[in-house]
C-alpha cells in the first residue's frame, strides 16, 4: 500500500535521498557479505557443552528480564499518559431525512430501497 501525503519539495527530496542511500547501503552490505563468505566456517562456538551452558542460560535470563521490565515500564507509561483519554466518539443518530439528503434522493425512494430486495439504479 502506498500512502500519499502532502509534503513539501525539500522534504520529498530528503526522503528520496535517504531512501536511495538506504537501498545502496543494503545492496553494498549484501554484496560484501556474499563476496567475503568463506566456505569453511568454524561453528565450534555454537556447540553447547557444560562450560558455556551456564553463561547461555544466564544471558537468556537477563534478556528475558530486560524485555519484561521494558514492556512493563512501557505499559505503565502508556496507561498513565493515555489511559484517562476518551477518544472514541460515536456519530450522532441519523434519521431518514439526513440519509435522503446524503444520497440525493427523496424519502419515498429511500423507503422503497430499504424495503426492496433488489436495487437497480440508472
PDB file of N, CA and C in Angstrom:
ATOM      1  N   UNK A   1       0.847  -1.162   0.000  1.00  0.00           N
ATOM      2  CA  UNK A   1       0.000   0.000   0.000  1.00  0.00           C
ATOM      3  C   UNK A   1       0.900   1.235   0.000  1.00  0.00           C
ATOM      4  N   UNK A   2       0.591   2.167  -0.838  1.00  0.00           N
ATOM      5  CA  UNK A   2       1.338   3.412  -0.914  1.00  0.00           C
ATOM      6  C   UNK A   2       0.527   4.500  -0.225  1.00  0.00           C
ATOM      7  N   UNK A   3       1.149   5.160   0.723  1.00  0.00           N
ATOM      8  CA  UNK A   3       0.484   6.227   1.459  1.00  0.00           C
ATOM      9  C   UNK A   3       0.960   7.552   0.894  1.00  0.00           C
ATOM     10  N   UNK A   4       0.057   8.283   0.301  1.00  0.00           N
ATOM     11  CA  UNK A   4       0.378   9.596  -0.243  1.00  0.00           C
ATOM     12  C   UNK A   4      -0.053  10.671   0.747  1.00  0.00           C
ATOM     13  N   UNK A   5       0.844  11.568   1.017  1.00  0.00           N
ATOM     14  CA  UNK A   5       0.514  12.683   1.893  1.00  0.00           C
ATOM     15  C   UNK A   5       1.138  13.937   1.307  1.00  0.00           C
ATOM     16  N   UNK A   6       0.647  15.069   1.739  1.00  0.00           N
ATOM     17  CA  UNK A   6       1.171  16.337   1.254  1.00  0.00           C
ATOM     18  C   UNK A   6       2.518  16.602   1.917  1.00  0.00           C
ATOM     19  N   UNK A   7       3.552  16.709   1.091  1.00  0.00           N
ATOM     20  CA  UNK A   7       4.887  17.004   1.585  1.00  0.00           C
ATOM     21  C   UNK A   7       5.464  18.150   0.769  1.00  0.00           C
ATOM     22  N   UNK A   8       6.291  18.915   1.406  1.00  0.00           N
ATOM     23  CA  UNK A   8       6.963  19.995   0.690  1.00  0.00           C
ATOM     24  C   UNK A   8       8.056  19.399  -0.200  1.00  0.00           C
ATOM     25  N   UNK A   9       8.499  20.167  -1.183  1.00  0.00           N
ATOM     26  CA  UNK A   9       9.531  19.677  -2.107  1.00  0.00           C
ATOM     27  C   UNK A   9      10.840  19.338  -1.386  1.00  0.00           C
ATOM     28  N   UNK A  10      11.324  20.184  -0.455  1.00  0.00           N
ATOM     29  CA  UNK A  10      12.564  19.809   0.244  1.00  0.00           C
ATOM     30  C   UNK A  10      12.416  18.506   1.034  1.00  0.00           C
ATOM     31  N   UNK A  11      11.264  18.307   1.620  1.00  0.00           N
ATOM     32  CA  UNK A  11      11.057  17.074   2.387  1.00  0.00           C
ATOM     33  C   UNK A  11      11.031  15.854   1.479  1.00  0.00           C
ATOM     34  N   UNK A  12      10.411  15.990   0.282  1.00  0.00           N
ATOM     35  CA  UNK A  12      10.406  14.883  -0.673  1.00  0.00           C
ATOM     36  C   UNK A  12      11.816  14.568  -1.147  1.00  0.00           C
ATOM     37  N   UNK A  13      12.611  15.610  -1.388  1.00  0.00           N
ATOM     38  CA  UNK A  13      13.986  15.399  -1.842  1.00  0.00           C
ATOM     39  C   UNK A  13      14.802  14.698  -0.765  1.00  0.00           C
ATOM     40  N   UNK A  14      14.649  15.129   0.481  1.00  0.00           N
ATOM     41  CA  UNK A  14      15.364  14.485   1.590  1.00  0.00           C
ATOM     42  C   UNK A  14      14.911  13.039   1.733  1.00  0.00           C
ATOM     43  N   UNK A  15      13.624  12.802   1.600  1.00  0.00           N
ATOM     44  CA  UNK A  15      13.090  11.447   1.688  1.00  0.00           C
ATOM     45  C   UNK A  15      13.673  10.562   0.597  1.00  0.00           C
ATOM     46  N   UNK A  16      13.689  11.040  -0.645  1.00  0.00           N
ATOM     47  CA  UNK A  16      14.268  10.276  -1.746  1.00  0.00           C
ATOM     48  C   UNK A  16      15.762  10.047  -1.544  1.00  0.00           C
ATOM     49  N   UNK A  17      16.456  11.048  -1.024  1.00  0.00           N
ATOM     50  CA  UNK A  17      17.888  10.935  -0.758  1.00  0.00           C
ATOM     51  C   UNK A  17      18.166   9.810   0.243  1.00  0.00           C
ATOM     52  N   UNK A  18      17.470   9.835   1.383  1.00  0.00           N
ATOM     53  CA  UNK A  18      17.691   8.803   2.390  1.00  0.00           C
ATOM     54  C   UNK A  18      17.248   7.424   1.903  1.00  0.00           C
ATOM     55  N   UNK A  19      16.177   7.369   1.135  1.00  0.00           N
ATOM     56  CA  UNK A  19      15.730   6.088   0.602  1.00  0.00           C
ATOM     57  C   UNK A  19      16.765   5.518  -0.356  1.00  0.00           C
ATOM     58  N   UNK A  20      17.273   6.357  -1.258  1.00  0.00           N
ATOM     59  CA  UNK A  20      18.278   5.900  -2.218  1.00  0.00           C
ATOM     60  C   UNK A  20      19.523   5.380  -1.504  1.00  0.00           C
ATOM     61  N   UNK A  21      20.042   6.158  -0.561  1.00  0.00           N
ATOM     62  CA  UNK A  21      21.258   5.735   0.119  1.00  0.00           C
ATOM     63  C   UNK A  21      21.018   4.563   1.070  1.00  0.00           C
ATOM     64  N   UNK A  22      19.817   4.441   1.577  1.00  0.00           N
ATOM     65  CA  UNK A  22      19.492   3.267   2.387  1.00  0.00           C
ATOM     66  C   UNK A  22      19.524   1.994   1.558  1.00  0.00           C
ATOM     67  N   UNK A  23      18.902   2.035   0.380  1.00  0.00           N
ATOM     68  CA  UNK A  23      18.933   0.867  -0.516  1.00  0.00           C
ATOM     69  C   UNK A  23      20.356   0.596  -0.996  1.00  0.00           C
ATOM     70  N   UNK A  24      21.114   1.636  -1.317  1.00  0.00           N
ATOM     71  CA  UNK A  24      22.501   1.459  -1.752  1.00  0.00           C
ATOM     72  C   UNK A  24      23.332   0.803  -0.653  1.00  0.00           C
ATOM     73  N   UNK A  25      23.161   1.257   0.588  1.00  0.00           N
ATOM     74  CA  UNK A  25      23.880   0.647   1.713  1.00  0.00           C
ATOM     75  C   UNK A  25      23.503  -0.818   1.855  1.00  0.00           C
ATOM     76  N   UNK A  26      22.216  -1.140   1.752  1.00  0.00           N
ATOM     77  CA  UNK A  26      21.780  -2.526   1.885  1.00  0.00           C
ATOM     78  C   UNK A  26      22.370  -3.401   0.784  1.00  0.00           C
ATOM     79  N   UNK A  27      22.343  -2.915  -0.446  1.00  0.00           N
ATOM     80  CA  UNK A  27      22.887  -3.692  -1.562  1.00  0.00           C
ATOM     81  C   UNK A  27      24.388  -3.894  -1.399  1.00  0.00           C
ATOM     82  N   UNK A  28      25.113  -2.851  -1.028  1.00  0.00           N
ATOM     83  CA  UNK A  28      26.554  -2.993  -0.829  1.00  0.00           C
ATOM     84  C   UNK A  28      26.878  -3.912   0.342  1.00  0.00           C
ATOM     85  N   UNK A  29      26.099  -3.831   1.396  1.00  0.00           N
ATOM     86  CA  UNK A  29      26.306  -4.716   2.542  1.00  0.00           C
ATOM     87  C   UNK A  29      26.106  -6.178   2.142  1.00  0.00           C
ATOM     88  N   UNK A  30      25.021  -6.463   1.417  1.00  0.00           N
ATOM     89  CA  UNK A  30      24.768  -7.840   1.000  1.00  0.00           C
ATOM     90  C   UNK A  30      25.818  -8.326   0.010  1.00  0.00           C
ATOM     91  N   UNK A  31      26.289  -7.447  -0.880  1.00  0.00           N
ATOM     92  CA  UNK A  31      27.354  -7.823  -1.810  1.00  0.00           C
ATOM     93  C   UNK A  31      28.634  -8.138  -1.048  1.00  0.00           C
ATOM     94  N   UNK A  32      28.993  -7.287  -0.087  1.00  0.00           N
ATOM     95  CA  UNK A  32      30.189  -7.502   0.704  1.00  0.00           C
ATOM     96  C   UNK A  32      30.080  -8.789   1.515  1.00  0.00           C
ATOM     97  N   UNK A  33      28.932  -9.034   2.077  1.00  0.00           N
ATOM     98  CA  UNK A  33      28.728 -10.253   2.863  1.00  0.00           C
ATOM     99  C   UNK A  33      28.858 -11.484   1.987  1.00  0.00           C
ATOM    100  N   UNK A  34      28.247 -11.457   0.811  1.00  0.00           N
ATOM    101  CA  UNK A  34      28.299 -12.630  -0.058  1.00  0.00           C
ATOM    102  C   UNK A  34      29.679 -12.824  -0.673  1.00  0.00           C
ATOM    103  N   UNK A  35      30.420 -11.744  -0.945  1.00  0.00           N
ATOM    104  CA  UNK A  35      31.742 -11.891  -1.558  1.00  0.00           C
ATOM    105  C   UNK A  35      32.799 -12.349  -0.548  1.00  0.00           C
ATOM    106  N   UNK A  36      32.616 -12.096   0.720  1.00  0.00           N
ATOM    107  CA  UNK A  36      33.590 -12.496   1.728  1.00  0.00           C
ATOM    108  C   UNK A  36      33.166 -13.727   2.522  1.00  0.00           C
ATOM    109  N   UNK A  37      32.147 -14.395   2.047  1.00  0.00           N
ATOM    110  CA  UNK A  37      31.660 -15.574   2.759  1.00  0.00           C
ATOM    111  C   UNK A  37      32.614 -16.737   2.516  1.00  0.00           C
ATOM    112  N   UNK A  38      33.128 -17.311   3.587  1.00  0.00           N
ATOM    113  CA  UNK A  38      34.051 -18.445   3.473  1.00  0.00           C
ATOM    114  C   UNK A  38      33.269 -19.743   3.500  1.00  0.00           C
ATOM    115  N   UNK A  39      33.787 -20.689   2.765  1.00  0.00           N
ATOM    116  CA  UNK A  39      33.100 -21.986   2.700  1.00  0.00           C
ATOM    117  C   UNK A  39      33.343 -22.811   3.964  1.00  0.00           C
ATOM    118  N   UNK A  40      34.461 -22.649   4.591  1.00  0.00           N
ATOM    119  CA  UNK A  40      34.800 -23.456   5.769  1.00  0.00           C
ATOM    120  C   UNK A  40      34.701 -22.595   7.021  1.00  0.00           C
ATOM    121  N   UNK A  41      33.514 -22.423   7.500  1.00  0.00           N
ATOM    122  CA  UNK A  41      33.323 -21.648   8.724  1.00  0.00           C
ATOM    123  C   UNK A  41      33.474 -22.557   9.935  1.00  0.00           C
ATOM    124  N   UNK A  42      33.927 -21.994  11.018  1.00  0.00           N
ATOM    125  CA  UNK A  42      34.127 -22.741  12.247  1.00  0.00           C
ATOM    126  C   UNK A  42      32.932 -22.495  13.167  1.00  0.00           C
ATOM    127  N   UNK A  43      32.116 -23.526  13.339  1.00  0.00           N
ATOM    128  CA  UNK A  43      30.911 -23.397  14.165  1.00  0.00           C
ATOM    129  C   UNK A  43      31.099 -23.983  15.566  1.00  0.00           C
ATOM    130  N   UNK A  44      32.319 -24.094  16.034  1.00  0.00           N
ATOM    131  CA  UNK A  44      32.532 -24.690  17.359  1.00  0.00           C
ATOM    132  C   UNK A  44      31.986 -23.802  18.476  1.00  0.00           C
ATOM    133  N   UNK A  45      31.851 -22.524  18.218  1.00  0.00           N
ATOM    134  CA  UNK A  45      31.316 -21.632  19.248  1.00  0.00           C
ATOM    135  C   UNK A  45      29.827 -21.895  19.491  1.00  0.00           C
ATOM    136  N   UNK A  46      29.169 -22.590  18.574  1.00  0.00           N
ATOM    137  CA  UNK A  46      27.750 -22.889  18.748  1.00  0.00           C
ATOM    138  C   UNK A  46      27.498 -24.162  19.538  1.00  0.00           C
ATOM    139  N   UNK A  47      28.530 -24.940  19.765  1.00  0.00           N
ATOM    140  CA  UNK A  47      28.347 -26.194  20.496  1.00  0.00           C
ATOM    141  C   UNK A  47      27.963 -25.899  21.939  1.00  0.00           C
ATOM    142  N   UNK A  48      26.981 -26.633  22.392  1.00  0.00           N
ATOM    143  CA  UNK A  48      26.527 -26.462  23.772  1.00  0.00           C
ATOM    144  C   UNK A  48      27.199 -27.522  24.630  1.00  0.00           C
ATOM    145  N   UNK A  49      28.046 -27.081  25.509  1.00  0.00           N
ATOM    146  CA  UNK A  49      28.660 -28.003  26.452  1.00  0.00           C
ATOM    147  C   UNK A  49      28.516 -27.423  27.848  1.00  0.00           C
ATOM    148  N   UNK A  50      28.987 -28.126  28.817  1.00  0.00           N
ATOM    149  CA  UNK A  50      28.801 -27.692  30.199  1.00  0.00           C
ATOM    150  C   UNK A  50      29.577 -26.429  30.529  1.00  0.00           C
ATOM    151  N   UNK A  51      30.618 -26.135  29.784  1.00  0.00           N
ATOM    152  CA  UNK A  51      31.406 -24.935  30.066  1.00  0.00           C
ATOM    153  C   UNK A  51      30.632 -23.658  29.766  1.00  0.00           C
ATOM    154  N   UNK A  52      29.884 -23.651  28.666  1.00  0.00           N
ATOM    155  CA  UNK A  52      29.191 -22.417  28.304  1.00  0.00           C
ATOM    156  C   UNK A  52      27.680 -22.485  28.513  1.00  0.00           C
ATOM    157  N   UNK A  53      27.167 -23.577  29.025  1.00  0.00           N
ATOM    158  CA  UNK A  53      25.718 -23.701  29.234  1.00  0.00           C
ATOM    159  C   UNK A  53      25.235 -22.697  30.275  1.00  0.00           C
ATOM    160  N   UNK A  54      25.988 -22.540  31.346  1.00  0.00           N
ATOM    161  CA  UNK A  54      25.576 -21.603  32.391  1.00  0.00           C
ATOM    162  C   UNK A  54      25.567 -20.165  31.871  1.00  0.00           C
ATOM    163  N   UNK A  55      26.549 -19.801  31.067  1.00  0.00           N
ATOM    164  CA  UNK A  55      26.578 -18.432  30.547  1.00  0.00           C
ATOM    165  C   UNK A  55      25.442 -18.206  29.546  1.00  0.00           C
ATOM    166  N   UNK A  56      25.090 -19.224  28.760  1.00  0.00           N
ATOM    167  CA  UNK A  56      23.973 -19.092  27.817  1.00  0.00           C
ATOM    168  C   UNK A  56      22.659 -18.943  28.584  1.00  0.00           C
ATOM    169  N   UNK A  57      22.460 -19.735  29.612  1.00  0.00           N
ATOM    170  CA  UNK A  57      21.244 -19.623  30.421  1.00  0.00           C
ATOM    171  C   UNK A  57      21.178 -18.276  31.133  1.00  0.00           C
ATOM    172  N   UNK A  58      22.302 -17.819  31.666  1.00  0.00           N
ATOM    173  CA  UNK A  58      22.324 -16.522  32.341  1.00  0.00           C
ATOM    174  C   UNK A  58      22.009 -15.392  31.359  1.00  0.00           C
ATOM    175  N   UNK A  59      22.592 -15.443  30.167  1.00  0.00           N
ATOM    176  CA  UNK A  59      22.321 -14.429  29.150  1.00  0.00           C
ATOM    177  C   UNK A  59      20.850 -14.439  28.750  1.00  0.00           C
ATOM    178  N   UNK A  60      20.285 -15.633  28.548  1.00  0.00           N
ATOM    179  CA  UNK A  60      18.868 -15.747  28.188  1.00  0.00           C
ATOM    180  C   UNK A  60      17.982 -15.198  29.293  1.00  0.00           C
ATOM    181  N   UNK A  61      18.321 -15.502  30.533  1.00  0.00           N
ATOM    182  CA  UNK A  61      17.554 -14.997  31.665  1.00  0.00           C
ATOM    183  C   UNK A  61      17.629 -13.473  31.741  1.00  0.00           C
ATOM    184  N   UNK A  62      18.810 -12.900  31.539  1.00  0.00           N
ATOM    185  CA  UNK A  62      18.960 -11.447  31.590  1.00  0.00           C
ATOM    186  C   UNK A  62      18.207 -10.763  30.450  1.00  0.00           C
ATOM    187  N   UNK A  63      18.227 -11.350  29.260  1.00  0.00           N
ATOM    188  CA  UNK A  63      17.479 -10.777  28.140  1.00  0.00           C
ATOM    189  C   UNK A  63      15.978 -10.830  28.434  1.00  0.00           C
ATOM    190  N   UNK A  64      15.512 -11.944  29.001  1.00  0.00           N
ATOM    191  CA  UNK A  64      14.098 -12.067  29.350  1.00  0.00           C
ATOM    192  C   UNK A  64      13.678 -11.060  30.409  1.00  0.00           C
ATOM    193  N   UNK A  65      14.496 -10.900  31.430  1.00  0.00           N
ATOM    194  CA  UNK A  65      14.189  -9.934  32.498  1.00  0.00           C
ATOM    195  C   UNK A  65      14.190  -8.508  31.939  1.00  0.00           C
ATOM    196  N   UNK A  66      15.162  -8.192  31.085  1.00  0.00           N
ATOM    197  CA  UNK A  66      15.231  -6.856  30.490  1.00  0.00           C
ATOM    198  C   UNK A  66      14.008  -6.588  29.609  1.00  0.00           C
ATOM    199  N   UNK A  67      13.610  -7.578  28.819  1.00  0.00           N
ATOM    200  CA  UNK A  67      12.429  -7.420  27.961  1.00  0.00           C
ATOM    201  C   UNK A  67      11.167  -7.231  28.794  1.00  0.00           C
ATOM    202  N   UNK A  68      11.011  -8.046  29.827  1.00  0.00           N
ATOM    203  CA  UNK A  68       9.823  -7.934  30.669  1.00  0.00           C
ATOM    204  C   UNK A  68       9.781  -6.585  31.385  1.00  0.00           C
ATOM    205  N   UNK A  69      10.934  -6.118  31.856  1.00  0.00           N
ATOM    206  CA  UNK A  69      10.970  -4.832  32.553  1.00  0.00           C
ATOM    207  C   UNK A  69      10.639  -3.687  31.601  1.00  0.00           C
ATOM    208  N   UNK A  70      11.184  -3.734  30.387  1.00  0.00           N
ATOM    209  CA  UNK A  70      10.903  -2.640  29.452  1.00  0.00           C
ATOM    210  C   UNK A  70       9.444  -2.658  29.008  1.00  0.00           C
ATOM    211  N   UNK A  71       8.868  -3.829  28.785  1.00  0.00           N
ATOM    212  CA  UNK A  71       7.451  -3.896  28.419  1.00  0.00           C
ATOM    213  C   UNK A  71       6.554  -3.437  29.570  1.00  0.00           C
ATOM    214  N   UNK A  72       6.925  -3.791  30.782  1.00  0.00           N
ATOM    215  CA  UNK A  72       6.154  -3.355  31.943  1.00  0.00           C
ATOM    216  C   UNK A  72       6.227  -1.838  32.096  1.00  0.00           C
ATOM    217  N   UNK A  73       7.415  -1.274  31.935  1.00  0.00           N
ATOM    218  CA  UNK A  73       7.562   0.178  32.014  1.00  0.00           C
ATOM    219  C   UNK A  73       6.754   0.858  30.921  1.00  0.00           C
ATOM    220  N   UNK A  74       6.793   0.315  29.710  1.00  0.00           N
ATOM    221  CA  UNK A  74       6.079   0.929  28.582  1.00  0.00           C
ATOM    222  C   UNK A  74       4.565   0.891  28.806  1.00  0.00           C
ATOM    223  N   UNK A  75       4.057  -0.224  29.317  1.00  0.00           N
ATOM    224  CA  UNK A  75       2.612  -0.300  29.552  1.00  0.00           C
ATOM    225  C   UNK A  75       2.193   0.656  30.666  1.00  0.00           C
ATOM    226  N   UNK A  76       3.009   0.798  31.705  1.00  0.00           N
ATOM    227  CA  UNK A  76       2.702   1.737  32.777  1.00  0.00           C
ATOM    228  C   UNK A  76       2.727   3.170  32.255  1.00  0.00           C
ATOM    229  N   UNK A  77       3.716   3.476  31.443  1.00  0.00           N
ATOM    230  CA  UNK A  77       3.818   4.810  30.848  1.00  0.00           C
ATOM    231  C   UNK A  77       2.586   5.112  29.991  1.00  0.00           C
ATOM    232  N   UNK A  78       2.196   4.182  29.125  1.00  0.00           N
ATOM    233  CA  UNK A  78       1.032   4.397  28.268  1.00  0.00           C
ATOM    234  C   UNK A  78      -0.250   4.541  29.082  1.00  0.00           C
ATOM    235  N   UNK A  79      -0.388   3.738  30.134  1.00  0.00           N
ATOM    236  CA  UNK A  79      -1.593   3.817  30.958  1.00  0.00           C
ATOM    237  C   UNK A  79      -1.678   5.163  31.662  1.00  0.00           C
ATOM    238  N   UNK A  80      -0.544   5.659  32.177  1.00  0.00           N
ATOM    239  CA  UNK A  80      -0.552   6.950  32.865  1.00  0.00           C
ATOM    240  C   UNK A  80      -0.747   8.114  31.909  1.00  0.00           C
ATOM    241  N   UNK A  81      -0.138   8.040  30.734  1.00  0.00           N
ATOM    242  CA  UNK A  81      -0.200   9.160  29.798  1.00  0.00           C
ATOM    243  C   UNK A  81      -1.511   9.181  29.020  1.00  0.00           C
ATOM    244  N   UNK A  82      -1.979   8.014  28.556  1.00  0.00           N
ATOM    245  CA  UNK A  82      -3.125   7.975  27.654  1.00  0.00           C
ATOM    246  C   UNK A  82      -4.361   7.283  28.245  1.00  0.00           C
ATOM    247  N   UNK A  83      -4.253   6.726  29.434  1.00  0.00           N
ATOM    248  CA  UNK A  83      -5.357   5.943  29.987  1.00  0.00           C
ATOM    249  C   UNK A  83      -6.607   6.749  30.285  1.00  0.00           C
ATOM    250  N   UNK A  84      -6.469   7.999  30.645  1.00  0.00           N
ATOM    251  CA  UNK A  84      -7.619   8.815  31.016  1.00  0.00           C
ATOM    252  C   UNK A  84      -8.323   9.420  29.811  1.00  0.00           C
ATOM    253  N   UNK A  85      -7.723   9.344  28.639  1.00  0.00           N
ATOM    254  CA  UNK A  85      -8.313   9.965  27.454  1.00  0.00           C
ATOM    255  C   UNK A  85      -9.499   9.153  26.943  1.00  0.00           C
ATOM    256  N   UNK A  86     -10.522   9.831  26.536  1.00  0.00           N
ATOM    257  CA  UNK A  86     -11.698   9.193  25.942  1.00  0.00           C
ATOM    258  C   UNK A  86     -11.810   9.686  24.506  1.00  0.00           C
ATOM    259  N   UNK A  87     -11.169   9.008  23.593  1.00  0.00           N
ATOM    260  CA  UNK A  87     -11.120   9.461  22.206  1.00  0.00           C
ATOM    261  C   UNK A  87     -12.241   8.910  21.356  1.00  0.00           C
ATOM    262  N   UNK A  88     -12.873   7.860  21.770  1.00  0.00           N
ATOM    263  CA  UNK A  88     -13.889   7.230  20.937  1.00  0.00           C
ATOM    264  C   UNK A  88     -15.207   7.980  21.059  1.00  0.00           C
ATOM    265  N   UNK A  89     -15.555   8.645  20.010  1.00  0.00           N
ATOM    266  CA  UNK A  89     -16.836   9.342  19.980  1.00  0.00           C
ATOM    267  C   UNK A  89     -17.675   8.735  18.868  1.00  0.00           C
ATOM    268  N   UNK A  90     -18.918   8.550  19.130  1.00  0.00           N
ATOM    269  CA  UNK A  90     -19.822   7.961  18.162  1.00  0.00           C
ATOM    270  C   UNK A  90     -20.550   9.064  17.412  1.00  0.00           C
ATOM    271  N   UNK A  91     -20.842   8.835  16.144  1.00  0.00           N
ATOM    272  CA  UNK A  91     -21.546   9.863  15.378  1.00  0.00           C
ATOM    273  C   UNK A  91     -22.968  10.031  15.884  1.00  0.00           C
ATOM    274  N   UNK A  92     -23.566  11.185  15.636  1.00  0.00           N
ATOM    275  CA  UNK A  92     -24.947  11.384  16.086  1.00  0.00           C
ATOM    276  C   UNK A  92     -25.906  10.474  15.305  1.00  0.00           C
ATOM    277  N   UNK A  93     -27.087  10.288  15.869  1.00  0.00           N
ATOM    278  CA  UNK A  93     -28.086   9.445  15.228  1.00  0.00           C
ATOM    279  C   UNK A  93     -28.500  10.045  13.887  1.00  0.00           C
ATOM    280  N   UNK A  94     -28.720   9.190  12.920  1.00  0.00           N
ATOM    281  CA  UNK A  94     -29.111   9.626  11.587  1.00  0.00           C
ATOM    282  C   UNK A  94     -30.574   9.284  11.363  1.00  0.00           C
ATOM    283  N   UNK A  95     -31.304  10.230  10.810  1.00  0.00           N
ATOM    284  CA  UNK A  95     -32.708   9.964  10.519  1.00  0.00           C
ATOM    285  C   UNK A  95     -32.896   9.807   9.003  1.00  0.00           C
ATOM    286  N   UNK A  96     -34.117   9.539   8.600  1.00  0.00           N
ATOM    287  CA  UNK A  96     -34.422   9.284   7.190  1.00  0.00           C
ATOM    288  C   UNK A  96     -34.134  10.497   6.314  1.00  0.00           C
ATOM    289  N   UNK A  97     -34.421  11.671   6.835  1.00  0.00           N
ATOM    290  CA  UNK A  97     -34.215  12.892   6.060  1.00  0.00           C
ATOM    291  C   UNK A  97     -32.731  13.109   5.748  1.00  0.00           C
ATOM    292  N   UNK A  98     -31.859  12.869   6.752  1.00  0.00           N
ATOM    293  CA  UNK A  98     -30.424  13.019   6.545  1.00  0.00           C
ATOM    294  C   UNK A  98     -29.907  12.027   5.510  1.00  0.00           C
ATOM    295  N   UNK A  99     -30.382  10.794   5.580  1.00  0.00           N
ATOM    296  CA  UNK A  99     -29.964   9.781   4.611  1.00  0.00           C
ATOM    297  C   UNK A  99     -30.395  10.161   3.196  1.00  0.00           C
ATOM    298  N   UNK A 100     -31.621  10.617   3.067  1.00  0.00           N
ATOM    299  CA  UNK A 100     -32.135  11.006   1.753  1.00  0.00           C
ATOM    300  C   UNK A 100     -31.331  12.181   1.192  1.00  0.00           C
ATOM    301  N   UNK A 101     -30.988  13.141   2.017  1.00  0.00           N
ATOM    302  CA  UNK A 101     -30.185  14.270   1.559  1.00  0.00           C
ATOM    303  C   UNK A 101     -28.791  13.828   1.151  1.00  0.00           C
ATOM    304  N   UNK A 102     -28.202  12.922   1.908  1.00  0.00           N
ATOM    305  CA  UNK A 102     -26.846  12.468   1.607  1.00  0.00           C
ATOM    306  C   UNK A 102     -26.785  11.753   0.260  1.00  0.00           C
ATOM    307  N   UNK A 103     -27.745  10.873   0.025  1.00  0.00           N
ATOM    308  CA  UNK A 103     -27.761  10.117  -1.230  1.00  0.00           C
ATOM    309  C   UNK A 103     -28.499  10.840  -2.349  1.00  0.00           C
ATOM    310  N   UNK A 104     -28.958  12.045  -2.093  1.00  0.00           N
ATOM    311  CA  UNK A 104     -29.630  12.897  -3.072  1.00  0.00           C
ATOM    312  C   UNK A 104     -30.838  12.195  -3.691  1.00  0.00           C
ATOM    313  N   UNK A 105     -31.738  11.786  -2.851  1.00  0.00           N
ATOM    314  CA  UNK A 105     -32.986  11.167  -3.293  1.00  0.00           C
ATOM    315  C   UNK A 105     -34.095  11.563  -2.332  1.00  0.00           C
ATOM    316  N   UNK A 106     -35.297  11.227  -2.710  1.00  0.00           N
ATOM    317  CA  UNK A 106     -36.430  11.559  -1.847  1.00  0.00           C
ATOM    318  C   UNK A 106     -36.576  10.493  -0.779  1.00  0.00           C
ATOM    319  N   UNK A 107     -37.377  10.838   0.230  1.00  0.00           N
ATOM    320  CA  UNK A 107     -37.594   9.881   1.314  1.00  0.00           C
ATOM    321  C   UNK A 107     -38.413   8.680   0.831  1.00  0.00           C
ATOM    322  N   UNK A 108     -39.268   8.887  -0.146  1.00  0.00           N
ATOM    323  CA  UNK A 108     -40.060   7.779  -0.708  1.00  0.00           C
ATOM    324  C   UNK A 108     -39.142   6.786  -1.416  1.00  0.00           C
ATOM    325  N   UNK A 109     -38.167   7.302  -2.185  1.00  0.00           N
ATOM    326  CA  UNK A 109     -37.219   6.412  -2.860  1.00  0.00           C
ATOM    327  C   UNK A 109     -36.377   5.643  -1.839  1.00  0.00           C
ATOM    328  N   UNK A 110     -36.015   6.294  -0.787  1.00  0.00           N
ATOM    329  CA  UNK A 110     -35.236   5.639   0.260  1.00  0.00           C
ATOM    330  C   UNK A 110     -36.031   4.518   0.918  1.00  0.00           C
ATOM    331  N   UNK A 111     -37.306   4.748   1.196  1.00  0.00           N
ATOM    332  CA  UNK A 111     -38.163   3.698   1.768  1.00  0.00           C
ATOM    333  C   UNK A 111     -38.293   2.520   0.811  1.00  0.00           C
ATOM    334  N   UNK A 112     -38.435   2.812  -0.483  1.00  0.00           N
ATOM    335  CA  UNK A 112     -38.543   1.744  -1.483  1.00  0.00           C
ATOM    336  C   UNK A 112     -37.262   0.912  -1.506  1.00  0.00           C
ATOM    337  N   UNK A 113     -36.128   1.575  -1.440  1.00  0.00           N
ATOM    338  CA  UNK A 113     -34.857   0.851  -1.439  1.00  0.00           C
ATOM    339  C   UNK A 113     -34.715   0.002  -0.181  1.00  0.00           C
ATOM    340  N   UNK A 114     -35.107   0.537   0.959  1.00  0.00           N
ATOM    341  CA  UNK A 114     -34.981  -0.210   2.213  1.00  0.00           C
ATOM    342  C   UNK A 114     -35.887  -1.433   2.246  1.00  0.00           C
ATOM    343  N   UNK A 115     -37.055  -1.343   1.631  1.00  0.00           N
ATOM    344  CA  UNK A 115     -37.998  -2.473   1.661  1.00  0.00           C
ATOM    345  C   UNK A 115     -37.745  -3.466   0.531  1.00  0.00           C
ATOM    346  N   UNK A 116     -37.104  -3.035  -0.545  1.00  0.00           N
ATOM    347  CA  UNK A 116     -36.884  -3.907  -1.701  1.00  0.00           C
ATOM    348  C   UNK A 116     -35.725  -4.866  -1.440  1.00  0.00           C
ATOM    349  N   UNK A 117     -35.739  -5.981  -2.177  1.00  0.00           N
ATOM    350  CA  UNK A 117     -34.654  -6.949  -2.036  1.00  0.00           C
ATOM    351  C   UNK A 117     -33.621  -6.813  -3.141  1.00  0.00           C
ATOM    352  N   UNK A 118     -33.965  -6.163  -4.253  1.00  0.00           N
ATOM    353  CA  UNK A 118     -33.030  -5.976  -5.354  1.00  0.00           C
ATOM    354  C   UNK A 118     -33.136  -4.532  -5.839  1.00  0.00           C
ATOM    355  N   UNK A 119     -31.989  -3.909  -6.021  1.00  0.00           N
ATOM    356  CA  UNK A 119     -31.996  -2.485  -6.391  1.00  0.00           C
ATOM    357  C   UNK A 119     -31.180  -2.326  -7.667  1.00  0.00           C
ATOM    358  N   UNK A 120     -31.763  -1.632  -8.633  1.00  0.00           N
ATOM    359  CA  UNK A 120     -31.034  -1.283  -9.843  1.00  0.00           C
ATOM    360  C   UNK A 120     -31.207   0.199 -10.052  1.00  0.00           C
ATOM    361  N   UNK A 121     -30.117   0.907 -10.078  1.00  0.00           N
ATOM    362  CA  UNK A 121     -30.188   2.361 -10.212  1.00  0.00           C
ATOM    363  C   UNK A 121     -29.476   2.773 -11.492  1.00  0.00           C
ATOM    364  N   UNK A 122     -30.118   3.631 -12.266  1.00  0.00           N
ATOM    365  CA  UNK A 122     -29.527   4.064 -13.543  1.00  0.00           C
ATOM    366  C   UNK A 122     -28.645   5.250 -13.357  1.00  0.00           C
TER     367      UNK A 122
END
